[in-house]
Amino acid sequence: MHRRTAVAVAFAALIATSGCLGILGGSGVEVSASKATVSENALQETGYEEVRVNESEVTREYSVAGQSRNVTVTNWIAMYERTVDVPVLGEQRAAVFGAFSSPEVSVLGQSFNPIKDYSDRELAELAQQQYDGLSVGQAINTSEMTVLNESTEVTKFEGTAEISGQSVDVYVHVTRVKHDGDYVVAVAIYPQDLDGEQERIETLLTGLEH
């Protein structure tokens, strides 16, 4: 597993699709999301460390009724990691958590952002398609949580990933909430053998700030 990119690569595909905003009026649209990050208290409690928090700007040109329209969307990605003891392999930075925020665009009375139509299964499959070595299996369960003061479903999938050349059983957690005009997606991946890791992920989710 390329530990620093496992979730980020999946988000890259979301960034690419978040520019597909349909029919636009005027000369173009520029819109930015607000950062979605994990609180310092949650990081200290779970032992996760910030890898990076950065914005990604996507500009696309569309032809509408014979005229060109430019759409510029600014998204944010926050990535976190934790060093864990993986059987046989020893200590690895193999537990990752990412938060991605993308704005909703309102044009001519309509709201656009394809992320709102993704199911948790589709978000997990997106990670599977975009990351070599990650295979997402069946959903194990779905739980209700409050994230960013919004009630949301968190889906847990089983899967496998390549870590230092070895296939390791992992869990993948996925959720999405709409908050203050943005869509916030959170994805976590970690080895199944870790004790108490789901509780840490829940702490990270409840510790999200936006």
Protein backbone atom coordinates (compact mmCIF):
# COMPACT_ATOMS: atom_id res chain seq x y z
CA MET A 1 0.00 0.00 0.00
CA HIS A 2 1.32 3.45 -0.86
CA ARG A 3 0.29 4.69 2.56
CA ARG A 4 0.31 8.39 1.79
CA THR A 5 -1.82 8.06 -1.33
CA ALA A 6 -4.30 5.28 -0.66
CA VAL A 7 -7.18 7.63 0.09
CA ALA A 8 -5.85 10.66 -1.77
CA VAL A 9 -5.93 8.87 -5.12
CA ALA A 10 -9.57 8.02 -4.59
CA PHE A 11 -10.28 11.67 -3.84
CA ALA A 12 -8.49 12.68 -7.04
CA ALA A 13 -11.22 10.97 -9.03
CA LEU A 14 -13.84 12.85 -7.03
CA ILE A 15 -12.07 16.11 -7.82
CA ALA A 16 -12.17 15.24 -11.51
CA THR A 17 -15.90 14.57 -11.47
CA SER A 18 -16.79 17.52 -9.28
CA GLY A 19 -16.30 19.82 -12.27
CA CYS A 20 -19.10 18.14 -14.24
CA LEU A 21 -21.72 20.68 -13.35
CA GLY A 22 -24.05 20.62 -16.33
CA ILE A 23 -25.59 23.60 -18.11
CA LEU A 24 -24.33 26.98 -16.93
CA GLY A 25 -25.28 30.55 -17.66
CA GLY A 26 -23.14 33.68 -17.80
CA SER A 27 -19.42 33.74 -18.53
CA GLY A 28 -18.56 31.11 -15.95
CA VAL A 29 -18.67 30.06 -12.32
CA GLU A 30 -16.05 30.11 -9.57
CA VAL A 31 -16.82 28.44 -6.26
CA SER A 32 -14.73 27.12 -3.35
CA ALA A 33 -15.31 24.62 -0.58
CA SER A 34 -14.32 25.20 3.03
CA LYS A 35 -11.65 22.98 4.56
CA ALA A 36 -12.77 19.83 6.38
CA THR A 37 -10.15 18.83 8.95
CA VAL A 38 -9.87 16.77 12.13
CA SER A 39 -9.63 18.62 15.44
CA GLU A 40 -6.39 18.58 17.40
CA ASN A 41 -8.14 16.90 20.34
CA ALA A 42 -9.32 14.04 18.13
CA LEU A 43 -5.84 13.61 16.66
CA GLN A 44 -4.22 13.50 20.08
CA GLU A 45 -6.80 11.01 21.35
CA THR A 46 -6.37 8.64 18.40
CA GLY A 47 -2.66 9.00 17.67
CA TYR A 48 -3.21 10.03 14.06
CA GLU A 49 -0.92 12.66 12.57
CA GLU A 50 -1.61 15.21 9.87
CA VAL A 51 0.12 14.44 6.58
CA ARG A 52 -1.15 17.39 4.63
CA VAL A 53 -4.08 19.74 4.13
CA ASN A 54 -4.21 21.29 0.69
CA GLU A 55 -6.59 22.71 -1.86
CA SER A 56 -7.05 21.50 -5.43
CA GLU A 57 -8.46 23.77 -8.09
CA VAL A 58 -10.16 22.33 -11.16
CA THR A 59 -11.09 24.47 -14.16
CA ARG A 60 -13.04 23.07 -17.07
CA GLU A 61 -14.50 24.55 -20.22
CA TYR A 62 -17.94 23.53 -21.44
CA SER A 63 -19.81 24.29 -24.63
CA VAL A 64 -23.40 25.27 -23.97
CA ALA A 65 -25.72 26.38 -26.78
CA GLY A 66 -22.72 27.20 -28.93
CA GLN A 67 -20.98 29.24 -26.24
CA SER A 68 -18.07 28.33 -23.96
CA ARG A 69 -18.49 28.28 -20.20
CA ASN A 70 -15.65 28.02 -17.69
CA VAL A 71 -16.19 26.36 -14.32
CA THR A 72 -13.57 26.69 -11.59
CA VAL A 73 -14.06 24.55 -8.48
CA THR A 74 -11.77 24.60 -5.46
CA ASN A 75 -11.82 21.46 -3.32
CA TRP A 76 -9.90 20.61 -0.13
CA ILE A 77 -8.19 17.37 0.91
CA ALA A 78 -6.95 16.59 4.44
CA MET A 79 -4.89 13.42 5.00
CA TYR A 80 -3.92 11.72 8.27
CA GLU A 81 -1.92 8.60 9.20
CA ARG A 82 -1.11 6.43 12.19
CA THR A 83 1.82 4.04 12.65
CA VAL A 84 0.51 0.60 13.59
CA ASP A 85 1.96 -2.85 14.23
CA VAL A 86 1.07 -5.13 11.31
CA PRO A 87 1.58 -8.88 11.90
CA VAL A 88 4.73 -10.19 10.18
CA LEU A 89 5.51 -6.74 8.71
CA GLY A 90 6.06 -4.86 11.97
CA GLU A 91 5.44 -1.12 12.34
CA GLN A 92 3.89 0.50 9.27
CA ARG A 93 2.10 3.76 8.63
CA ALA A 94 -0.79 1.64 7.42
CA ALA A 95 -3.81 3.34 9.02
CA VAL A 96 -5.02 6.27 6.94
CA PHE A 97 -7.91 8.71 7.19
CA GLY A 98 -8.90 11.35 4.67
CA ALA A 99 -11.49 14.11 4.49
CA PHE A 100 -12.49 15.67 1.17
CA SER A 101 -14.74 18.74 0.78
CA SER A 102 -16.30 19.85 -2.49
CA PRO A 103 -18.73 22.74 -3.02
CA GLU A 104 -22.23 22.54 -4.36
CA VAL A 105 -22.82 24.95 -7.25
CA SER A 106 -26.18 26.62 -7.77
CA VAL A 107 -26.86 27.88 -11.28
CA LEU A 108 -30.19 28.93 -12.77
CA GLY A 109 -32.00 27.59 -9.72
CA GLN A 110 -30.39 24.16 -9.93
CA SER A 111 -27.73 22.63 -7.69
CA PHE A 112 -24.88 20.60 -9.17
CA ASN A 113 -22.33 18.22 -7.67
CA PRO A 114 -22.22 14.56 -8.66
CA ILE A 115 -20.89 13.58 -5.23
CA LYS A 116 -24.38 13.92 -3.80
CA ASP A 117 -25.49 11.02 -6.01
CA TYR A 118 -22.67 8.63 -5.01
CA SER A 119 -23.61 5.83 -2.63
CA ASP A 120 -21.11 4.64 -0.04
CA ARG A 121 -20.61 1.54 -2.18
CA GLU A 122 -19.77 3.71 -5.21
CA LEU A 123 -17.34 5.80 -3.16
CA ALA A 124 -15.63 2.61 -1.97
CA GLU A 125 -15.54 1.21 -5.50
CA LEU A 126 -14.05 4.49 -6.70
CA ALA A 127 -11.18 3.99 -4.27
CA GLN A 128 -10.82 0.42 -5.53
CA GLN A 129 -10.72 1.49 -9.16
CA GLN A 130 -8.25 4.31 -8.63
CA TYR A 131 -5.77 2.63 -6.30
CA ASP A 132 -3.67 -0.31 -7.41
CA GLY A 133 -3.49 -2.90 -4.65
CA LEU A 134 -6.70 -2.04 -2.83
CA SER A 135 -9.62 -4.43 -3.27
CA VAL A 136 -12.91 -3.52 -1.60
CA GLY A 137 -15.19 -6.43 -0.78
CA GLN A 138 -18.62 -6.70 0.76
CA ALA A 139 -20.22 -4.21 3.11
CA ILE A 140 -20.16 -5.56 6.66
CA ASN A 141 -22.48 -3.10 8.35
CA THR A 142 -23.87 0.40 8.29
CA SER A 143 -24.14 2.54 11.40
CA GLU A 144 -25.72 5.90 12.17
CA MET A 145 -23.43 8.67 13.40
CA THR A 146 -23.56 12.40 13.93
CA VAL A 147 -20.86 14.08 11.84
CA LEU A 148 -20.64 17.87 11.61
CA ASN A 149 -23.95 18.02 13.49
CA GLU A 150 -25.61 16.02 10.73
CA SER A 151 -26.99 12.48 11.02
CA THR A 152 -25.28 10.26 8.47
CA GLU A 153 -24.65 6.61 7.63
CA VAL A 154 -21.13 5.20 7.89
CA THR A 155 -20.61 2.03 5.86
CA LYS A 156 -17.87 -0.46 6.75
CA PHE A 157 -16.45 -2.68 4.00
CA GLU A 158 -14.00 -5.54 4.17
CA GLY A 159 -11.14 -5.68 1.70
CA THR A 160 -7.46 -6.34 1.07
CA ALA A 161 -4.49 -4.09 0.37
CA GLU A 162 -0.82 -4.47 -0.50
CA ILE A 163 1.45 -3.34 2.34
CA SER A 164 5.21 -3.72 1.79
CA GLY A 165 4.52 -6.38 -0.82
CA GLN A 166 2.19 -8.40 1.40
CA SER A 167 -1.57 -8.80 1.03
CA VAL A 168 -3.25 -7.61 4.24
CA ASP A 169 -6.93 -7.78 5.15
CA VAL A 170 -8.27 -4.26 5.72
CA TYR A 171 -11.46 -2.45 6.62
CA VAL A 172 -12.70 0.56 4.67
CA HIS A 173 -15.08 3.08 6.24
CA VAL A 174 -16.93 5.57 4.04
CA THR A 175 -19.37 8.37 4.79
CA ARG A 176 -20.61 11.60 3.23
CA VAL A 177 -22.45 14.59 4.67
CA LYS A 178 -23.69 17.88 3.31
CA HIS A 179 -22.66 20.78 5.51
CA ASP A 180 -22.79 24.54 4.94
CA GLY A 181 -23.11 24.19 1.18
CA ASP A 182 -20.31 21.64 0.76
CA TYR A 183 -20.21 17.88 0.47
CA VAL A 184 -17.75 16.34 2.91
CA VAL A 185 -16.54 12.79 2.23
CA ALA A 186 -14.50 10.82 4.76
CA VAL A 187 -12.68 7.55 4.01
CA ALA A 188 -10.62 5.41 6.39
CA ILE A 189 -8.51 2.32 5.61
CA TYR A 190 -6.71 0.17 8.19
CA PRO A 191 -5.64 -3.46 8.80
CA GLN A 192 -8.34 -5.70 10.24
CA ASP A 193 -6.08 -7.08 12.98
CA LEU A 194 -5.90 -3.74 14.80
CA ASP A 195 -7.72 -3.63 18.13
CA GLY A 196 -9.87 -0.59 18.81
CA GLU A 197 -9.27 1.04 15.44
CA GLN A 198 -12.95 1.42 14.63
CA GLU A 199 -13.37 3.46 17.81
CA ARG A 200 -10.49 5.67 16.69
CA ILE A 201 -12.13 6.19 13.31
CA GLU A 202 -15.39 7.14 15.02
CA THR A 203 -13.46 9.66 17.11
CA LEU A 204 -11.92 11.14 13.96
CA LEU A 205 -15.34 11.38 12.32
CA THR A 206 -16.93 13.11 15.29
CA GLY A 207 -13.86 15.34 15.47
CA LEU A 208 -14.29 16.67 11.93
CA GLU A 209 -14.45 20.46 11.65
CA HIS A 210 -15.68 22.36 8.63
